[in-house]
Amino acid sequence: MKTKLFTILALLFIAFSMHARVYVLSVGVSNYYGAENNLPQASRAAQQFADAMKLQTKDVTLLTSKYATVANIREKLQAIVNRAQKEDRIVFFHEGHGYDGGFCGVDGTITYNELALTLAKSKANLKLVFLGGCHSGSAKHAGVLDYGDQAWITATRADELGAEAGATPYYFGGSVAKGLRGKADYNSDKDVTLIELFKYIYNDITNKSSKSVYTDENGNTYHHYQHPTLIAPKALHNRVIIRHK
């Protein structure tokens, strides 16, 4: 009788897991209004992130450049928030300009406080946020830790600028995509946990940024150091973010 009961419970667990869904919104803005503000690799980074997540879910929405308006971002995110159920998770990615306290769509801004509050209204048991803009580490002031089910990985500390990596996608976007595709699976168990992904991103970006040399308008060379930040309660550190077959 116990064996039969265990079998029934196992089947119910499998059926429940099969219904769990991952909803993804990936945003990248390369072409802002004014060529001096353009970020050539941002849209490509968002596309790479979307492609990586499509290996895990079909529920992926991509908004780039002229389609990445504040209204569209809010509308798509709210639709996901309304749709996601308790067993589901939500993933948000943004690559583009950022500022102390928020990020930029193509025609305006959204604060990190607004993003955190919007996600908090969802029933989903896990909300993941990836922010690739300058000063994205300032998201630590958005009360993320108060919600318990949100984990944010940012490209920089609050006082740092982000950087593009030449002909390849942003340090951050490219690093996140590679980590999700398996580079962050340090123990080769086919699961990438939140802390594994963060460690990979941190090591990858700090290593690349330490080797990059830039030249200012006066011809002086300088280094551009960049340090990703993890904003998440410790209870989420070992949560599996992505699973490989």
Protein backbone atom coordinates (compact mmCIF):
# COMPACT_ATOMS: atom_id res chain seq x y z
CA MET A 1 0.00 0.00 0.00
CA LYS A 2 2.86 2.38 0.90
CA THR A 3 4.58 1.60 -2.40
CA LYS A 4 1.41 2.36 -4.33
CA LEU A 5 0.90 5.61 -2.44
CA PHE A 6 4.50 6.66 -3.10
CA THR A 7 4.05 5.95 -6.82
CA ILE A 8 0.91 8.06 -6.96
CA LEU A 9 2.62 10.95 -5.17
CA ALA A 10 5.62 10.72 -7.48
CA LEU A 11 3.37 10.86 -10.55
CA LEU A 12 1.54 13.85 -9.13
CA PHE A 13 4.85 15.63 -8.51
CA ILE A 14 5.98 14.95 -12.08
CA ALA A 15 2.65 16.19 -13.47
CA PHE A 16 2.92 19.34 -11.32
CA SER A 17 6.49 20.01 -12.50
CA MET A 18 5.48 19.62 -16.13
CA HIS A 19 2.96 22.41 -15.75
CA ALA A 20 5.47 24.84 -14.23
CA ARG A 21 6.41 27.53 -16.74
CA VAL A 22 9.15 30.10 -17.19
CA TYR A 23 8.12 33.50 -18.55
CA VAL A 24 10.89 35.63 -20.04
CA LEU A 25 11.01 39.28 -21.08
CA SER A 26 14.29 40.29 -22.73
CA VAL A 27 14.88 43.97 -23.53
CA GLY A 28 17.78 45.55 -25.39
CA VAL A 29 18.10 49.09 -26.73
CA SER A 30 20.84 49.79 -29.28
CA ASN A 31 19.27 52.74 -31.07
CA TYR A 32 18.21 55.58 -28.84
CA TYR A 33 17.05 58.91 -30.21
CA GLY A 34 20.35 60.58 -31.00
CA ALA A 35 23.31 58.68 -32.44
CA GLU A 36 25.55 59.82 -29.59
CA ASN A 37 23.42 57.75 -27.22
CA ASN A 38 23.41 54.54 -29.26
CA LEU A 39 24.76 51.28 -27.85
CA PRO A 40 25.55 49.07 -30.87
CA GLN A 41 25.62 45.72 -29.06
CA ALA A 42 22.69 46.04 -26.63
CA SER A 43 19.98 44.58 -28.88
CA ARG A 44 22.25 41.70 -29.86
CA ALA A 45 22.87 40.93 -26.19
CA ALA A 46 19.12 40.80 -25.53
CA GLN A 47 18.70 38.49 -28.52
CA GLN A 48 21.43 36.18 -27.22
CA PHE A 49 19.77 36.05 -23.82
CA ALA A 50 16.40 35.27 -25.41
CA ASP A 51 17.98 32.49 -27.51
CA ALA A 52 19.57 30.95 -24.42
CA MET A 53 16.24 30.96 -22.57
CA LYS A 54 14.42 29.45 -25.56
CA LEU A 55 16.33 26.25 -24.82
CA GLN A 56 14.24 26.04 -21.64
CA THR A 57 10.91 27.66 -22.46
CA LYS A 58 8.74 28.83 -25.34
CA ASP A 59 7.38 31.78 -23.34
CA VAL A 60 10.01 34.31 -24.41
CA THR A 61 9.22 37.90 -25.39
CA LEU A 62 11.91 40.08 -26.99
CA LEU A 63 11.76 43.88 -27.24
CA THR A 64 14.58 45.74 -28.96
CA SER A 65 15.30 49.36 -29.87
CA LYS A 66 12.18 51.14 -31.23
CA TYR A 67 9.91 48.45 -29.76
CA ALA A 68 11.45 48.78 -26.30
CA THR A 69 9.31 51.74 -25.27
CA VAL A 70 8.46 52.25 -21.62
CA ALA A 71 4.81 51.53 -22.43
CA ASN A 72 5.64 48.25 -24.19
CA ILE A 73 7.97 47.10 -21.40
CA ARG A 74 5.33 47.81 -18.79
CA GLU A 75 2.58 46.17 -20.83
CA LYS A 76 4.53 42.96 -21.56
CA LEU A 77 5.81 42.67 -17.99
CA GLN A 78 2.36 43.22 -16.50
CA ALA A 79 0.90 40.57 -18.79
CA ILE A 80 3.50 38.08 -17.55
CA VAL A 81 2.90 39.08 -13.92
CA ASN A 82 -0.84 38.51 -14.37
CA ARG A 83 -0.37 35.17 -16.11
CA ALA A 84 2.29 33.48 -13.98
CA GLN A 85 1.08 31.06 -11.33
CA LYS A 86 2.63 29.99 -8.02
CA GLU A 87 4.66 27.15 -9.55
CA ASP A 88 6.07 29.40 -12.29
CA ARG A 89 9.01 31.80 -12.49
CA ILE A 90 9.59 35.13 -14.22
CA VAL A 91 12.85 36.23 -15.83
CA PHE A 92 13.56 39.85 -16.86
CA PHE A 93 16.65 40.98 -18.78
CA HIS A 94 17.66 44.51 -19.76
CA GLU A 95 20.67 45.71 -21.73
CA GLY A 96 20.91 49.42 -22.43
CA HIS A 97 21.46 52.69 -20.62
CA GLY A 98 21.04 52.74 -16.87
CA TYR A 99 21.26 55.40 -14.19
CA ASP A 100 21.40 55.61 -10.41
CA GLY A 101 17.98 54.19 -9.56
CA GLY A 102 16.66 52.76 -12.82
CA PHE A 103 17.08 51.80 -16.46
CA CYS A 104 16.17 53.34 -19.81
CA GLY A 105 13.76 52.21 -22.47
CA VAL A 106 14.06 53.86 -25.86
CA ASP A 107 11.80 56.77 -24.87
CA GLY A 108 11.95 57.02 -21.10
CA THR A 109 12.91 55.44 -17.80
CA ILE A 110 11.67 52.85 -15.33
CA THR A 111 12.90 52.85 -11.76
CA TYR A 112 14.17 49.74 -10.04
CA ASN A 113 11.60 50.36 -7.31
CA GLU A 114 8.82 50.12 -9.88
CA LEU A 115 10.27 46.94 -11.37
CA ALA A 116 10.62 45.26 -7.97
CA LEU A 117 7.10 46.26 -6.93
CA THR A 118 5.58 45.05 -10.20
CA LEU A 119 7.28 41.67 -9.87
CA ALA A 120 6.19 41.42 -6.24
CA LYS A 121 2.55 41.43 -7.37
CA SER A 122 3.02 38.12 -9.20
CA LYS A 123 2.21 34.72 -7.71
CA ALA A 124 5.36 33.24 -9.30
CA ASN A 125 7.66 31.61 -6.75
CA LEU A 126 10.85 33.07 -8.25
CA LYS A 127 11.60 36.30 -10.09
CA LEU A 128 15.00 36.71 -11.73
CA VAL A 129 16.30 40.05 -12.96
CA PHE A 130 19.42 40.67 -15.05
CA LEU A 131 20.50 44.30 -15.52
CA GLY A 132 23.30 45.27 -17.89
CA GLY A 133 23.29 49.06 -17.64
CA CYS A 134 25.56 51.57 -15.95
CA HIS A 135 25.03 52.02 -12.21
CA SER A 136 22.80 48.92 -12.18
CA GLY A 137 24.17 47.97 -8.76
CA SER A 138 22.07 50.83 -7.36
CA ALA A 139 19.19 48.35 -7.57
CA LYS A 140 20.30 47.22 -4.10
CA HIS A 141 18.30 50.20 -2.80
CA ALA A 142 15.05 48.98 -4.41
CA GLY A 143 14.06 46.75 -1.49
CA VAL A 144 14.67 43.53 -3.44
CA LEU A 145 15.67 41.58 -0.34
CA ASP A 146 12.39 42.48 1.35
CA TYR A 147 10.39 40.29 -1.03
CA GLY A 148 12.24 37.00 -0.47
CA ASP A 149 11.50 35.56 -3.93
CA GLN A 150 13.46 38.00 -6.10
CA ALA A 151 17.08 37.60 -7.25
CA TRP A 152 18.83 40.33 -9.21
CA ILE A 153 22.22 40.14 -10.93
CA THR A 154 23.61 43.47 -12.10
CA ALA A 155 26.49 44.26 -14.46
CA THR A 156 28.09 46.87 -12.23
CA ARG A 157 28.31 48.28 -8.78
CA ALA A 158 26.24 51.38 -8.06
CA ASP A 159 29.09 53.76 -8.84
CA GLU A 160 30.39 52.02 -11.98
CA LEU A 161 29.78 52.37 -15.70
CA GLY A 162 29.05 49.43 -17.98
CA ALA A 163 31.12 48.73 -21.09
CA GLU A 164 30.68 47.24 -24.52
CA ALA A 165 33.10 44.52 -25.57
CA GLY A 166 34.08 45.62 -29.06
CA ALA A 167 32.51 43.50 -31.79
CA THR A 168 30.94 41.06 -29.35
CA PRO A 169 27.89 41.65 -27.11
CA TYR A 170 28.28 43.54 -23.88
CA TYR A 171 30.49 41.99 -21.25
CA PHE A 172 27.35 41.33 -19.25
CA GLY A 173 24.93 40.05 -21.89
CA GLY A 174 27.47 37.73 -23.46
CA SER A 175 28.60 36.44 -20.08
CA VAL A 176 25.05 35.72 -18.89
CA ALA A 177 24.21 33.84 -22.10
CA LYS A 178 27.35 31.69 -21.89
CA GLY A 179 26.70 30.94 -18.23
CA LEU A 180 23.13 29.84 -18.93
CA ARG A 181 24.30 27.61 -21.78
CA GLY A 182 26.42 25.59 -19.34
CA LYS A 183 29.66 27.49 -18.69
CA ALA A 184 28.47 28.17 -15.13
CA ASP A 185 27.85 24.49 -14.35
CA TYR A 186 30.99 24.14 -12.25
CA ASN A 187 30.18 20.72 -10.78
CA SER A 188 28.89 19.29 -14.10
CA ASP A 189 25.60 18.10 -12.61
CA LYS A 190 23.55 19.62 -15.47
CA ASP A 191 22.07 22.22 -13.13
CA VAL A 192 23.10 25.88 -13.01
CA THR A 193 22.27 27.43 -9.66
CA LEU A 194 21.94 31.14 -8.95
CA ILE A 195 25.26 31.29 -7.10
CA GLU A 196 27.04 29.30 -9.82
CA LEU A 197 25.74 31.67 -12.48
CA PHE A 198 26.74 34.75 -10.49
CA LYS A 199 30.24 33.42 -9.81
CA TYR A 200 30.75 32.71 -13.50
CA ILE A 201 29.50 36.16 -14.54
CA TYR A 202 31.59 37.90 -11.86
CA ASN A 203 34.81 36.08 -12.74
CA ASP A 204 34.27 36.48 -16.48
CA ILE A 205 33.50 40.19 -16.40
CA THR A 206 36.10 41.25 -13.85
CA ASN A 207 38.73 39.37 -15.82
CA LYS A 208 37.75 40.98 -19.14
CA SER A 209 37.38 44.47 -17.74
CA SER A 210 40.77 44.32 -16.02
CA LYS A 211 42.42 43.74 -19.40
CA SER A 212 40.56 46.46 -21.29
CA VAL A 213 42.36 49.72 -21.90
CA TYR A 214 40.53 52.86 -23.08
CA THR A 215 41.69 56.23 -24.34
CA ASP A 216 40.08 59.49 -23.28
CA GLU A 217 39.63 62.63 -25.41
CA ASN A 218 43.09 63.85 -24.39
CA GLY A 219 44.81 60.66 -25.46
CA ASN A 220 45.33 59.35 -21.95
CA THR A 221 44.80 55.62 -21.39
CA TYR A 222 42.84 54.18 -18.50
CA HIS A 223 41.28 50.93 -17.29
CA HIS A 224 37.54 50.42 -16.96
CA TYR A 225 36.90 48.07 -14.05
CA GLN A 226 33.49 46.47 -13.72
CA HIS A 227 32.15 44.34 -10.85
CA PRO A 228 28.81 42.50 -11.14
CA THR A 229 26.60 42.43 -8.05
CA LEU A 230 24.23 39.79 -6.67
CA ILE A 231 21.18 41.06 -4.82
CA ALA A 232 19.30 38.07 -3.44
CA PRO A 233 18.47 36.43 -0.11
CA LYS A 234 20.83 33.57 0.77
CA ALA A 235 17.88 31.17 0.68
CA LEU A 236 17.84 31.55 -3.12
CA HIS A 237 21.57 31.09 -3.75
CA ASN A 238 21.28 27.37 -4.44
CA ARG A 239 18.07 27.55 -6.46
CA VAL A 240 18.44 25.92 -9.87
CA ILE A 241 18.17 28.60 -12.55
CA ILE A 242 18.46 26.43 -15.62
CA ARG A 243 18.69 22.69 -16.21
CA HIS A 244 20.52 21.01 -19.07
CA LYS A 245 19.65 17.67 -20.59
